[in-house]
Amino acid sequence: MTKIIHERDKCIGCGACASICPKFWDLSEDGKATMKQGVNSEGGNYEMELDNIECNQEAADACPVQCIMVIEK
């Protein structure tokens, strides 16, 4: 199981995650990235848990402000 955490308040809306991994990421109307299947957690972060990481590691690696974290459980 892998946990993906998005610190949305740090997002600058570059769109790299949505371009690399459109199945899980999109740009919202406010210009910031949105985790499509994410759940709002404490502290304003969004989280999701996946069995298969798919393209999320590439999205995290491409983020210029490193606001996407991939944590293997």
N, C-alpha and C. Protein backbone atom coordinates (compact mmCIF):
# COMPACT_ATOMS: atom_id res chain seq x y z
N MET A 1 0.86 -1.18 0.00
CA MET A 1 0.00 0.00 0.00
C MET A 1 0.90 1.24 0.00
N THR A 2 0.48 2.23 -0.76
CA THR A 2 1.22 3.49 -0.86
C THR A 2 0.29 4.64 -0.52
N LYS A 3 0.80 5.60 0.24
CA LYS A 3 0.03 6.79 0.58
C LYS A 3 0.62 7.97 -0.20
N ILE A 4 -0.25 8.72 -0.86
CA ILE A 4 0.14 9.92 -1.58
C ILE A 4 -0.41 11.10 -0.80
N ILE A 5 0.44 12.06 -0.50
CA ILE A 5 0.04 13.27 0.24
C ILE A 5 0.33 14.48 -0.64
N HIS A 6 -0.65 15.36 -0.75
CA HIS A 6 -0.51 16.59 -1.53
C HIS A 6 -0.67 17.78 -0.60
N GLU A 7 0.39 18.55 -0.44
CA GLU A 7 0.33 19.77 0.35
C GLU A 7 -0.13 20.89 -0.59
N ARG A 8 -1.43 20.97 -0.77
CA ARG A 8 -2.01 21.84 -1.80
C ARG A 8 -1.70 23.31 -1.59
N ASP A 9 -1.56 23.76 -0.35
CA ASP A 9 -1.26 25.16 -0.11
C ASP A 9 0.10 25.57 -0.66
N LYS A 10 1.02 24.61 -0.83
CA LYS A 10 2.34 24.89 -1.39
C LYS A 10 2.37 24.83 -2.91
N CYS A 11 1.31 24.34 -3.53
CA CYS A 11 1.25 24.14 -4.97
C CYS A 11 1.31 25.49 -5.70
N ILE A 12 2.11 25.54 -6.77
CA ILE A 12 2.21 26.76 -7.58
C ILE A 12 1.46 26.63 -8.91
N GLY A 13 0.85 25.46 -9.14
CA GLY A 13 0.03 25.27 -10.32
C GLY A 13 0.79 25.13 -11.62
N CYS A 14 1.99 24.55 -11.57
CA CYS A 14 2.79 24.41 -12.80
C CYS A 14 2.17 23.40 -13.76
N GLY A 15 1.39 22.45 -13.26
CA GLY A 15 0.70 21.48 -14.10
C GLY A 15 1.50 20.24 -14.46
N ALA A 16 2.70 20.10 -13.93
CA ALA A 16 3.53 18.93 -14.26
C ALA A 16 2.84 17.63 -13.84
N CYS A 17 2.27 17.60 -12.66
CA CYS A 17 1.61 16.38 -12.17
C CYS A 17 0.44 15.99 -13.06
N ALA A 18 -0.37 16.96 -13.45
CA ALA A 18 -1.53 16.69 -14.30
C ALA A 18 -1.11 16.25 -15.70
N SER A 19 0.00 16.77 -16.17
CA SER A 19 0.50 16.39 -17.48
C SER A 19 1.06 14.97 -17.48
N ILE A 20 1.79 14.62 -16.42
CA ILE A 20 2.43 13.31 -16.31
C ILE A 20 1.46 12.23 -15.89
N CYS A 21 0.51 12.59 -15.02
CA CYS A 21 -0.36 11.58 -14.40
C CYS A 21 -1.82 12.05 -14.39
N PRO A 22 -2.43 12.23 -15.56
CA PRO A 22 -3.79 12.78 -15.62
C PRO A 22 -4.87 11.88 -15.02
N LYS A 23 -4.57 10.61 -14.82
CA LYS A 23 -5.55 9.72 -14.18
C LYS A 23 -5.83 10.15 -12.74
N PHE A 24 -4.82 10.71 -12.08
CA PHE A 24 -4.95 11.06 -10.66
C PHE A 24 -4.90 12.57 -10.39
N TRP A 25 -4.42 13.38 -11.34
CA TRP A 25 -4.19 14.80 -11.09
C TRP A 25 -4.86 15.66 -12.16
N ASP A 26 -5.31 16.83 -11.73
CA ASP A 26 -5.95 17.79 -12.62
C ASP A 26 -5.64 19.19 -12.09
N LEU A 27 -5.79 20.19 -12.92
CA LEU A 27 -5.68 21.57 -12.46
C LEU A 27 -7.09 22.10 -12.21
N SER A 28 -7.30 22.71 -11.07
CA SER A 28 -8.63 23.22 -10.73
C SER A 28 -8.77 24.67 -11.17
N GLU A 29 -9.94 25.21 -10.97
CA GLU A 29 -10.24 26.57 -11.41
C GLU A 29 -9.37 27.62 -10.73
N ASP A 30 -8.87 27.32 -9.51
CA ASP A 30 -8.02 28.29 -8.82
C ASP A 30 -6.57 28.21 -9.28
N GLY A 31 -6.28 27.35 -10.27
CA GLY A 31 -4.94 27.26 -10.83
C GLY A 31 -4.02 26.28 -10.14
N LYS A 32 -4.48 25.65 -9.07
CA LYS A 32 -3.65 24.69 -8.34
C LYS A 32 -4.03 23.27 -8.73
N ALA A 33 -3.09 22.36 -8.50
CA ALA A 33 -3.34 20.95 -8.79
C ALA A 33 -4.34 20.37 -7.79
N THR A 34 -5.10 19.41 -8.27
CA THR A 34 -6.07 18.72 -7.44
C THR A 34 -5.87 17.22 -7.60
N MET A 35 -5.82 16.54 -6.48
CA MET A 35 -5.73 15.08 -6.47
C MET A 35 -7.15 14.57 -6.68
N LYS A 36 -7.41 13.95 -7.82
CA LYS A 36 -8.78 13.57 -8.19
C LYS A 36 -9.45 12.66 -7.17
N GLN A 37 -8.71 11.73 -6.58
CA GLN A 37 -9.30 10.78 -5.64
C GLN A 37 -8.88 11.08 -4.20
N GLY A 38 -8.37 12.27 -3.97
CA GLY A 38 -7.87 12.63 -2.65
C GLY A 38 -8.95 12.99 -1.67
N VAL A 39 -8.64 12.78 -0.41
CA VAL A 39 -9.53 13.12 0.70
C VAL A 39 -8.83 14.19 1.52
N ASN A 40 -9.56 15.24 1.87
CA ASN A 40 -9.01 16.31 2.69
C ASN A 40 -8.71 15.78 4.08
N SER A 41 -7.47 15.97 4.53
CA SER A 41 -7.08 15.51 5.86
C SER A 41 -6.78 16.71 6.75
N GLU A 42 -6.37 16.41 7.96
CA GLU A 42 -6.01 17.49 8.90
C GLU A 42 -4.87 18.32 8.33
N GLY A 43 -4.90 19.59 8.58
CA GLY A 43 -3.84 20.48 8.13
C GLY A 43 -3.99 20.96 6.70
N GLY A 44 -5.10 20.64 6.05
CA GLY A 44 -5.33 21.11 4.70
C GLY A 44 -4.69 20.30 3.59
N ASN A 45 -4.04 19.21 3.94
CA ASN A 45 -3.45 18.33 2.93
C ASN A 45 -4.51 17.40 2.37
N TYR A 46 -4.22 16.85 1.20
CA TYR A 46 -5.09 15.85 0.59
C TYR A 46 -4.31 14.54 0.53
N GLU A 47 -5.00 13.43 0.76
CA GLU A 47 -4.34 12.14 0.81
C GLU A 47 -5.15 11.09 0.06
N MET A 48 -4.45 10.09 -0.44
CA MET A 48 -5.10 8.90 -0.98
C MET A 48 -4.17 7.72 -0.78
N GLU A 49 -4.75 6.54 -0.67
CA GLU A 49 -3.98 5.32 -0.53
C GLU A 49 -4.26 4.44 -1.75
N LEU A 50 -3.19 3.87 -2.28
CA LEU A 50 -3.27 3.06 -3.49
C LEU A 50 -2.51 1.76 -3.31
N ASP A 51 -2.99 0.71 -3.95
CA ASP A 51 -2.25 -0.55 -4.00
C ASP A 51 -1.12 -0.45 -5.03
N ASN A 52 -1.40 0.24 -6.13
CA ASN A 52 -0.43 0.39 -7.21
C ASN A 52 -0.14 1.87 -7.38
N ILE A 53 1.11 2.25 -7.24
CA ILE A 53 1.50 3.67 -7.28
C ILE A 53 1.28 4.32 -8.64
N GLU A 54 1.29 3.50 -9.71
CA GLU A 54 1.13 3.96 -11.09
C GLU A 54 2.08 5.13 -11.38
N CYS A 55 1.57 6.24 -11.90
CA CYS A 55 2.41 7.36 -12.33
C CYS A 55 2.63 8.42 -11.25
N ASN A 56 2.20 8.17 -10.02
CA ASN A 56 2.29 9.18 -8.98
C ASN A 56 3.71 9.51 -8.54
N GLN A 57 4.63 8.54 -8.59
CA GLN A 57 6.02 8.84 -8.23
C GLN A 57 6.63 9.80 -9.25
N GLU A 58 6.32 9.61 -10.53
CA GLU A 58 6.82 10.52 -11.56
C GLU A 58 6.24 11.92 -11.38
N ALA A 59 4.98 11.99 -10.99
CA ALA A 59 4.35 13.29 -10.73
C ALA A 59 5.04 13.99 -9.56
N ALA A 60 5.32 13.24 -8.51
CA ALA A 60 6.00 13.81 -7.35
C ALA A 60 7.41 14.28 -7.71
N ASP A 61 8.12 13.47 -8.48
CA ASP A 61 9.49 13.82 -8.87
C ASP A 61 9.53 15.06 -9.75
N ALA A 62 8.50 15.29 -10.54
CA ALA A 62 8.46 16.43 -11.46
C ALA A 62 8.02 17.72 -10.79
N CYS A 63 7.44 17.63 -9.60
CA CYS A 63 6.92 18.82 -8.92
C CYS A 63 8.07 19.75 -8.51
N PRO A 64 8.09 20.99 -9.00
CA PRO A 64 9.20 21.89 -8.68
C PRO A 64 9.23 22.36 -7.22
N VAL A 65 8.10 22.29 -6.53
CA VAL A 65 8.07 22.72 -5.13
C VAL A 65 7.93 21.54 -4.16
N GLN A 66 7.99 20.32 -4.71
CA GLN A 66 7.95 19.10 -3.91
C GLN A 66 6.80 19.06 -2.91
N CYS A 67 5.60 19.37 -3.40
CA CYS A 67 4.43 19.36 -2.53
C CYS A 67 3.64 18.04 -2.63
N ILE A 68 4.18 17.07 -3.38
CA ILE A 68 3.58 15.75 -3.49
C ILE A 68 4.53 14.75 -2.85
N MET A 69 4.05 14.01 -1.88
CA MET A 69 4.88 13.01 -1.20
C MET A 69 4.32 11.62 -1.43
N VAL A 70 5.19 10.68 -1.70
CA VAL A 70 4.83 9.28 -1.89
C VAL A 70 5.45 8.50 -0.75
N ILE A 71 4.60 7.84 0.04
CA ILE A 71 5.09 7.12 1.22
C ILE A 71 4.69 5.66 1.09
N GLU A 72 5.69 4.80 0.99
CA GLU A 72 5.42 3.35 0.93
C GLU A 72 5.10 2.86 2.34
N LYS A 73 4.04 2.09 2.46
CA LYS A 73 3.66 1.56 3.77
C LYS A 73 4.08 0.11 3.87
